[in-house]
N, C-alpha and C. Protein backbone atom coordinates (compact mmCIF):
# COMPACT_ATOMS: atom_id res chain seq x y z
N UNK A 1 72.32 107.86 351.79
CA UNK A 1 72.62 108.15 353.18
C UNK A 1 73.97 108.87 353.30
N UNK A 2 74.96 108.38 352.54
CA UNK A 2 76.29 108.98 352.58
C UNK A 2 76.25 110.43 352.09
N UNK A 3 75.29 110.70 351.21
CA UNK A 3 75.13 112.03 350.64
C UNK A 3 74.84 113.08 351.72
N UNK A 4 74.15 112.67 352.78
CA UNK A 4 73.80 113.58 353.87
C UNK A 4 74.73 113.43 355.07
N UNK A 5 75.33 112.28 355.21
CA UNK A 5 76.20 112.02 356.35
C UNK A 5 77.50 112.81 356.26
N UNK A 6 78.10 112.86 355.07
CA UNK A 6 79.37 113.57 354.91
C UNK A 6 79.24 115.08 355.18
N UNK A 7 78.25 115.77 354.61
CA UNK A 7 78.12 117.20 354.96
C UNK A 7 77.83 117.42 356.44
N UNK A 8 77.01 116.56 357.04
CA UNK A 8 76.74 116.69 358.47
C UNK A 8 78.00 116.51 359.29
N UNK A 9 78.80 115.53 358.91
CA UNK A 9 80.08 115.31 359.59
C UNK A 9 81.02 116.50 359.37
N UNK A 10 80.98 117.08 358.18
CA UNK A 10 81.79 118.26 357.90
C UNK A 10 81.41 119.44 358.77
N UNK A 11 80.12 119.62 359.00
CA UNK A 11 79.65 120.72 359.85
C UNK A 11 80.06 120.49 361.30
N UNK A 12 79.91 119.25 361.77
CA UNK A 12 80.30 118.93 363.15
C UNK A 12 81.80 119.12 363.33
N UNK A 13 82.59 118.69 362.35
CA UNK A 13 84.04 118.85 362.43
C UNK A 13 84.43 120.33 362.40
N UNK A 14 83.77 121.12 361.54
CA UNK A 14 84.05 122.55 361.49
C UNK A 14 83.70 123.23 362.81
N UNK A 15 82.56 122.86 363.38
CA UNK A 15 82.15 123.42 364.67
C UNK A 15 83.16 123.08 365.76
N UNK A 16 83.61 121.82 365.78
CA UNK A 16 84.57 121.39 366.79
C UNK A 16 85.89 122.13 366.65
N UNK A 17 86.40 122.23 365.42
CA UNK A 17 87.65 122.96 365.20
C UNK A 17 87.52 124.43 365.56
N UNK A 18 86.38 125.03 365.24
CA UNK A 18 86.14 126.43 365.57
C UNK A 18 86.16 126.63 367.09
N UNK A 19 85.52 125.72 367.81
CA UNK A 19 85.49 125.82 369.27
C UNK A 19 86.88 125.63 369.87
N UNK A 20 87.63 124.67 369.34
CA UNK A 20 88.99 124.43 369.85
C UNK A 20 89.89 125.62 369.57
N UNK A 21 89.84 126.16 368.36
CA UNK A 21 90.66 127.33 368.03
C UNK A 21 90.29 128.53 368.90
N UNK A 22 88.99 128.73 369.13
CA UNK A 22 88.55 129.83 369.98
C UNK A 22 89.00 129.66 371.42
N UNK A 23 89.08 128.43 371.88
CA UNK A 23 89.52 128.16 373.25
C UNK A 23 91.03 128.36 373.39
N UNK A 24 91.79 127.98 372.36
CA UNK A 24 93.25 128.15 372.41
C UNK A 24 93.59 129.64 372.44
N UNK A 25 93.11 130.37 371.46
CA UNK A 25 93.32 131.82 371.40
C UNK A 25 92.25 132.40 370.48
N UNK A 26 91.51 133.36 370.98
CA UNK A 26 90.38 133.92 370.23
C UNK A 26 90.76 134.47 368.85
N UNK A 27 91.90 135.14 368.70
CA UNK A 27 92.24 135.65 367.36
C UNK A 27 92.50 134.56 366.31
N UNK A 28 92.71 133.33 366.74
CA UNK A 28 92.94 132.25 365.77
C UNK A 28 91.73 132.03 364.86
N UNK A 29 90.52 132.27 365.37
CA UNK A 29 89.34 132.06 364.53
C UNK A 29 89.21 133.12 363.45
N UNK A 30 89.94 134.22 363.58
CA UNK A 30 89.95 135.21 362.51
C UNK A 30 90.85 134.78 361.36
N UNK A 31 91.90 134.02 361.66
CA UNK A 31 92.83 133.57 360.63
C UNK A 31 92.40 132.23 360.05
N UNK A 32 92.05 131.30 360.92
CA UNK A 32 91.66 129.95 360.51
C UNK A 32 90.16 129.79 360.70
N UNK A 33 89.42 129.71 359.61
CA UNK A 33 87.96 129.63 359.67
C UNK A 33 87.49 128.27 359.14
N UNK A 34 87.31 127.30 360.03
CA UNK A 34 86.90 125.96 359.58
C UNK A 34 85.56 125.92 358.87
N UNK A 35 84.69 126.86 359.15
CA UNK A 35 83.40 126.89 358.45
C UNK A 35 83.59 127.20 356.96
N UNK A 36 84.49 128.13 356.66
CA UNK A 36 84.80 128.41 355.26
C UNK A 36 85.44 127.21 354.58
N UNK A 37 86.27 126.50 355.32
CA UNK A 37 86.91 125.30 354.76
C UNK A 37 85.85 124.28 354.34
N UNK A 38 84.88 124.06 355.22
CA UNK A 38 83.82 123.08 354.92
C UNK A 38 82.99 123.52 353.72
N UNK A 39 82.64 124.79 353.68
CA UNK A 39 81.83 125.30 352.57
C UNK A 39 82.56 125.14 351.24
N UNK A 40 83.81 125.56 351.20
CA UNK A 40 84.56 125.47 349.94
C UNK A 40 84.84 124.04 349.54
N UNK A 41 85.13 123.18 350.50
CA UNK A 41 85.39 121.78 350.18
C UNK A 41 84.16 121.15 349.52
N UNK A 42 83.00 121.33 350.12
CA UNK A 42 81.80 120.73 349.56
C UNK A 42 81.33 121.44 348.29
N UNK A 43 81.63 122.73 348.16
CA UNK A 43 81.28 123.43 346.92
C UNK A 43 82.09 122.89 345.75
N UNK A 44 83.36 122.63 345.97
CA UNK A 44 84.20 122.15 344.88
C UNK A 44 84.06 120.66 344.61
N UNK A 45 83.65 119.89 345.60
CA UNK A 45 83.50 118.45 345.37
C UNK A 45 82.07 118.05 345.02
N UNK A 46 81.09 118.87 345.41
CA UNK A 46 79.68 118.50 345.18
C UNK A 46 78.90 119.54 344.39
N UNK A 47 79.53 120.57 343.93
CA UNK A 47 78.95 121.60 343.07
C UNK A 47 78.13 122.64 343.84
N UNK A 48 77.47 123.52 343.09
CA UNK A 48 76.96 124.76 343.67
C UNK A 48 75.82 124.62 344.66
N UNK A 49 74.92 123.69 344.47
CA UNK A 49 73.80 123.56 345.41
C UNK A 49 74.30 123.13 346.79
N UNK A 50 75.18 122.16 346.82
CA UNK A 50 75.75 121.75 348.11
C UNK A 50 76.56 122.87 348.73
N UNK A 51 77.27 123.62 347.90
CA UNK A 51 78.04 124.75 348.42
C UNK A 51 77.15 125.82 349.02
N UNK A 52 76.03 126.10 348.36
CA UNK A 52 75.11 127.12 348.88
C UNK A 52 74.44 126.67 350.17
N UNK A 53 74.02 125.41 350.24
CA UNK A 53 73.38 124.90 351.46
C UNK A 53 74.39 124.86 352.60
N UNK A 54 75.59 124.36 352.32
CA UNK A 54 76.63 124.34 353.36
C UNK A 54 76.96 125.76 353.80
N UNK A 55 76.99 126.69 352.85
CA UNK A 55 77.26 128.09 353.19
C UNK A 55 76.21 128.67 354.11
N UNK A 56 74.95 128.37 353.84
CA UNK A 56 73.87 128.87 354.70
C UNK A 56 73.98 128.31 356.11
N UNK A 57 74.14 126.99 356.19
CA UNK A 57 74.19 126.34 357.50
C UNK A 57 75.43 126.78 358.28
N UNK A 58 76.59 126.70 357.63
CA UNK A 58 77.83 127.06 358.33
C UNK A 58 77.88 128.54 358.67
N UNK A 59 77.40 129.39 357.77
CA UNK A 59 77.42 130.82 358.04
C UNK A 59 76.52 131.21 359.20
N UNK A 60 75.33 130.65 359.24
CA UNK A 60 74.42 130.95 360.36
C UNK A 60 74.92 130.36 361.66
N UNK A 61 75.53 129.19 361.60
CA UNK A 61 76.11 128.59 362.80
C UNK A 61 77.26 129.44 363.32
N UNK A 62 78.10 129.92 362.42
CA UNK A 62 79.20 130.78 362.83
C UNK A 62 78.67 132.10 363.38
N UNK A 63 77.63 132.65 362.76
CA UNK A 63 77.03 133.88 363.28
C UNK A 63 76.48 133.69 364.69
N UNK A 64 75.89 132.53 364.93
CA UNK A 64 75.32 132.29 366.26
C UNK A 64 76.41 132.13 367.32
N UNK A 65 77.60 131.74 366.92
CA UNK A 65 78.70 131.58 367.87
C UNK A 65 79.46 132.88 368.10
N UNK A 66 79.34 133.82 367.21
CA UNK A 66 80.08 135.07 367.35
C UNK A 66 79.19 136.13 367.98
N UNK A 67 79.81 137.23 368.34
CA UNK A 67 79.03 138.33 368.92
C UNK A 67 78.73 139.39 367.87
N UNK A 68 79.00 139.06 366.61
CA UNK A 68 78.77 139.99 365.51
C UNK A 68 77.32 140.03 365.09
N UNK A 69 77.10 140.56 363.92
CA UNK A 69 75.77 140.72 363.36
C UNK A 69 75.28 139.38 362.81
N UNK A 70 74.08 138.97 363.22
CA UNK A 70 73.54 137.68 362.80
C UNK A 70 73.00 137.75 361.38
N UNK A 71 73.39 136.82 360.53
CA UNK A 71 72.88 136.72 359.17
C UNK A 71 73.85 137.15 358.10
N UNK A 72 74.77 138.02 358.43
CA UNK A 72 75.72 138.50 357.43
C UNK A 72 76.68 137.39 357.02
N UNK A 73 77.15 136.62 357.98
CA UNK A 73 78.04 135.49 357.67
C UNK A 73 77.32 134.42 356.87
N UNK A 74 76.05 134.20 357.18
CA UNK A 74 75.27 133.22 356.44
C UNK A 74 75.12 133.60 354.98
N UNK A 75 74.85 134.86 354.73
CA UNK A 75 74.69 135.32 353.35
C UNK A 75 76.02 135.29 352.60
N UNK A 76 77.08 135.76 353.24
CA UNK A 76 78.37 135.78 352.54
C UNK A 76 78.89 134.37 352.26
N UNK A 77 78.70 133.45 353.19
CA UNK A 77 79.14 132.07 352.95
C UNK A 77 78.25 131.36 351.93
N UNK A 78 76.96 131.69 351.89
CA UNK A 78 76.07 131.13 350.88
C UNK A 78 76.53 131.56 349.49
N UNK A 79 76.82 132.84 349.33
CA UNK A 79 77.30 133.34 348.04
C UNK A 79 78.63 132.70 347.66
N UNK A 80 79.53 132.55 348.64
CA UNK A 80 80.83 131.93 348.37
C UNK A 80 80.66 130.48 347.95
N UNK A 81 79.81 129.74 348.64
CA UNK A 81 79.59 128.34 348.31
C UNK A 81 78.99 128.16 346.93
N UNK A 82 77.99 128.98 346.61
CA UNK A 82 77.37 128.87 345.29
C UNK A 82 78.36 129.25 344.19
N UNK A 83 79.06 130.38 344.38
CA UNK A 83 80.01 130.83 343.36
C UNK A 83 81.13 129.81 343.18
N UNK A 84 81.63 129.26 344.27
CA UNK A 84 82.70 128.27 344.17
C UNK A 84 82.28 127.04 343.41
N UNK A 85 81.10 126.53 343.70
CA UNK A 85 80.60 125.35 343.00
C UNK A 85 80.29 125.62 341.54
N UNK A 86 79.70 126.77 341.26
CA UNK A 86 79.31 127.10 339.89
C UNK A 86 80.53 127.35 339.01
N UNK A 87 81.45 128.17 339.49
CA UNK A 87 82.62 128.51 338.69
C UNK A 87 83.53 127.31 338.50
N UNK A 88 83.63 126.46 339.53
CA UNK A 88 84.52 125.30 339.40
C UNK A 88 84.00 124.29 338.38
N UNK A 89 82.72 124.35 338.05
CA UNK A 89 82.19 123.50 336.98
C UNK A 89 82.52 124.07 335.61
N UNK A 90 82.70 125.37 335.53
CA UNK A 90 82.93 126.04 334.25
C UNK A 90 84.40 126.09 333.86
N UNK A 91 85.28 126.18 334.84
CA UNK A 91 86.71 126.23 334.54
C UNK A 91 87.42 125.11 335.29
N UNK A 92 88.57 124.74 334.80
CA UNK A 92 89.35 123.67 335.42
C UNK A 92 90.17 124.25 336.57
N UNK A 93 89.80 123.91 337.79
CA UNK A 93 90.56 124.37 338.95
C UNK A 93 91.32 123.20 339.58
N UNK A 94 91.61 122.19 338.78
CA UNK A 94 92.28 120.99 339.26
C UNK A 94 93.74 121.17 339.63
N UNK A 95 94.55 121.83 338.79
CA UNK A 95 95.97 121.99 339.15
C UNK A 95 96.14 122.77 340.45
N UNK A 96 97.16 122.41 341.20
CA UNK A 96 97.34 122.96 342.55
C UNK A 96 97.43 124.49 342.55
N UNK A 97 98.27 125.06 341.71
CA UNK A 97 98.44 126.52 341.71
C UNK A 97 97.13 127.23 341.35
N UNK A 98 96.44 126.71 340.35
CA UNK A 98 95.17 127.30 339.94
C UNK A 98 94.13 127.16 341.05
N UNK A 99 94.15 126.04 341.71
CA UNK A 99 93.22 125.80 342.81
C UNK A 99 93.46 126.78 343.96
N UNK A 100 94.71 126.99 344.31
CA UNK A 100 95.04 127.92 345.41
C UNK A 100 94.61 129.34 345.06
N UNK A 101 94.89 129.78 343.84
CA UNK A 101 94.50 131.13 343.42
C UNK A 101 92.98 131.27 343.43
N UNK A 102 92.28 130.27 342.91
CA UNK A 102 90.81 130.29 342.87
C UNK A 102 90.23 130.35 344.28
N UNK A 103 90.74 129.52 345.17
CA UNK A 103 90.25 129.51 346.55
C UNK A 103 90.57 130.82 347.27
N UNK A 104 91.74 131.39 346.99
CA UNK A 104 92.10 132.67 347.59
C UNK A 104 91.13 133.76 347.15
N UNK A 105 90.81 133.79 345.87
CA UNK A 105 89.88 134.81 345.36
C UNK A 105 88.50 134.65 345.99
N UNK A 106 88.03 133.41 346.11
CA UNK A 106 86.72 133.17 346.74
C UNK A 106 86.72 133.60 348.20
N UNK A 107 87.76 133.23 348.94
CA UNK A 107 87.83 133.58 350.36
C UNK A 107 87.95 135.09 350.55
N UNK A 108 88.71 135.74 349.68
CA UNK A 108 88.85 137.19 349.75
C UNK A 108 87.52 137.88 349.43
N UNK A 109 86.80 137.37 348.44
CA UNK A 109 85.49 137.93 348.10
C UNK A 109 84.50 137.73 349.25
N UNK A 110 84.56 136.57 349.89
CA UNK A 110 83.66 136.31 351.03
C UNK A 110 83.94 137.28 352.17
N UNK A 111 85.21 137.53 352.44
CA UNK A 111 85.59 138.48 353.49
C UNK A 111 85.13 139.89 353.13
N UNK A 112 85.28 140.27 351.87
CA UNK A 112 84.86 141.60 351.43
C UNK A 112 83.34 141.76 351.51
N UNK A 113 82.59 140.73 351.11
CA UNK A 113 81.12 140.78 351.21
C UNK A 113 80.70 140.88 352.67
N UNK A 114 81.34 140.10 353.53
CA UNK A 114 81.01 140.11 354.95
C UNK A 114 81.25 141.50 355.56
N UNK A 115 82.43 142.07 355.30
CA UNK A 115 82.73 143.40 355.84
C UNK A 115 81.82 144.46 355.23
N UNK A 116 81.59 144.35 353.92
CA UNK A 116 80.75 145.34 353.24
C UNK A 116 79.31 145.32 353.72
N UNK A 117 78.74 144.13 353.86
CA UNK A 117 77.36 144.03 354.34
C UNK A 117 77.22 144.52 355.77
N UNK A 118 78.15 144.13 356.61
CA UNK A 118 78.08 144.57 358.01
C UNK A 118 78.21 146.09 358.10
N UNK A 119 79.10 146.65 357.31
CA UNK A 119 79.28 148.10 357.33
C UNK A 119 78.11 148.85 356.73
N UNK A 120 77.55 148.33 355.65
CA UNK A 120 76.47 149.02 354.96
C UNK A 120 75.13 148.88 355.67
N UNK A 121 74.78 147.67 356.05
CA UNK A 121 73.47 147.43 356.63
C UNK A 121 73.36 147.88 358.08
N UNK A 122 74.41 147.70 358.83
CA UNK A 122 74.31 147.93 360.26
C UNK A 122 75.21 149.03 360.78
N UNK A 123 75.89 149.68 359.87
CA UNK A 123 76.78 150.79 360.24
C UNK A 123 77.76 150.40 361.36
N UNK A 124 78.15 149.14 361.35
CA UNK A 124 79.15 148.69 362.31
C UNK A 124 80.41 148.34 361.55
N UNK A 125 81.49 148.38 362.24
CA UNK A 125 82.76 148.02 361.63
C UNK A 125 83.21 146.71 362.25
N UNK A 126 83.13 145.62 361.48
CA UNK A 126 83.52 144.32 362.04
C UNK A 126 84.98 144.32 362.45
N UNK A 127 85.25 143.64 363.54
CA UNK A 127 86.61 143.59 364.04
C UNK A 127 87.49 142.74 363.13
N UNK A 128 88.65 143.27 362.80
CA UNK A 128 89.63 142.51 362.03
C UNK A 128 90.88 142.28 362.85
N UNK A 129 90.86 142.69 364.11
CA UNK A 129 91.97 142.50 365.04
C UNK A 129 93.28 143.00 364.44
N UNK A 130 93.28 144.27 364.06
CA UNK A 130 94.46 144.95 363.51
C UNK A 130 94.99 144.27 362.25
N UNK A 131 94.09 143.86 361.38
CA UNK A 131 94.48 143.27 360.10
C UNK A 131 94.73 141.78 360.13
N UNK A 132 94.57 141.15 361.28
CA UNK A 132 94.81 139.71 361.38
C UNK A 132 93.85 138.92 360.50
N UNK A 133 92.63 139.41 360.34
CA UNK A 133 91.64 138.71 359.52
C UNK A 133 92.01 138.73 358.04
N UNK A 134 92.90 139.62 357.64
CA UNK A 134 93.32 139.66 356.24
C UNK A 134 94.18 138.47 355.86
N UNK A 135 94.65 137.72 356.85
CA UNK A 135 95.38 136.49 356.58
C UNK A 135 94.44 135.32 356.32
N UNK A 136 93.17 135.49 356.62
CA UNK A 136 92.20 134.40 356.47
C UNK A 136 92.10 133.87 355.04
N UNK A 137 92.05 134.70 353.99
CA UNK A 137 91.98 134.12 352.65
C UNK A 137 93.19 133.27 352.29
N UNK A 138 94.36 133.66 352.74
CA UNK A 138 95.57 132.87 352.46
C UNK A 138 95.49 131.53 353.16
N UNK A 139 95.15 131.55 354.45
CA UNK A 139 95.06 130.30 355.21
C UNK A 139 93.96 129.40 354.65
N UNK A 140 92.83 129.99 354.29
CA UNK A 140 91.72 129.20 353.74
C UNK A 140 92.12 128.54 352.43
N UNK A 141 92.76 129.29 351.55
CA UNK A 141 93.17 128.73 350.25
C UNK A 141 94.14 127.57 350.43
N UNK A 142 95.11 127.73 351.31
CA UNK A 142 96.10 126.67 351.51
C UNK A 142 95.49 125.43 352.15
N UNK A 143 94.67 125.62 353.17
CA UNK A 143 94.08 124.47 353.86
C UNK A 143 93.10 123.71 352.96
N UNK A 144 92.23 124.43 352.25
CA UNK A 144 91.25 123.75 351.40
C UNK A 144 91.93 123.06 350.22
N UNK A 145 92.97 123.68 349.66
CA UNK A 145 93.71 123.01 348.57
C UNK A 145 94.34 121.72 349.08
N UNK A 146 94.88 121.76 350.29
CA UNK A 146 95.46 120.54 350.87
C UNK A 146 94.39 119.49 351.13
N UNK A 147 93.23 119.91 351.63
CA UNK A 147 92.13 118.96 351.86
C UNK A 147 91.65 118.32 350.56
N UNK A 148 91.57 119.10 349.51
CA UNK A 148 91.15 118.56 348.22
C UNK A 148 92.16 117.55 347.69
N UNK A 149 93.45 117.84 347.86
CA UNK A 149 94.50 116.91 347.42
C UNK A 149 94.43 115.61 348.22
N UNK A 150 94.28 115.73 349.54
CA UNK A 150 94.21 114.53 350.38
C UNK A 150 93.00 113.68 350.06
N UNK A 151 91.85 114.31 349.87
CA UNK A 151 90.65 113.53 349.57
C UNK A 151 90.76 112.86 348.20
N UNK A 152 91.38 113.52 347.23
CA UNK A 152 91.58 112.90 345.92
C UNK A 152 92.52 111.70 346.02
N UNK A 153 93.54 111.83 346.84
CA UNK A 153 94.48 110.72 347.02
C UNK A 153 93.79 109.53 347.69
N UNK A 154 92.97 109.80 348.71
CA UNK A 154 92.27 108.71 349.39
C UNK A 154 91.25 108.04 348.47
N UNK A 155 90.60 108.82 347.62
CA UNK A 155 89.64 108.24 346.68
C UNK A 155 90.33 107.34 345.66
N UNK A 156 91.51 107.77 345.19
CA UNK A 156 92.26 106.95 344.23
C UNK A 156 92.73 105.65 344.86
N UNK A 157 93.20 105.72 346.10
CA UNK A 157 93.69 104.52 346.78
C UNK A 157 92.55 103.58 347.15
N UNK A 158 91.39 104.15 347.47
CA UNK A 158 90.25 103.33 347.87
C UNK A 158 89.53 102.69 346.70
N UNK A 159 89.69 103.27 345.51
CA UNK A 159 88.96 102.75 344.34
C UNK A 159 89.65 101.59 343.67
């Protein structure tokens, strides 16, 4: 039961944070993307299948909330979740600096896939709000690394 409850709670929390950030100031959702946080967190803690499923659900949910092209976010987040889970099993991304660099590369690749697919398939240019979206990989890497550290600390104290 816990296996399904935690990802569901993660999606609800990501949705709530996304709505709150959008209500405070719309450009904040370009820098701080709670859906990416949830995908990467579950990809690194539960491996590639959970990352891919979370990526599909969170990406399509984010697409439905935005006025952009539907499906592109779902595909890019699915690829990010799968790649994050798969690669993290093959290499040690435990140390903080390595974890931040790894998460930054994944978030940057997800942003590049999203922009590339939207531009190629639909001949549209996704809004980056004058480069503000380019801060998203940095913010994502720092937030997810902090979440991973906090969850590891709580697991150690609880065990």
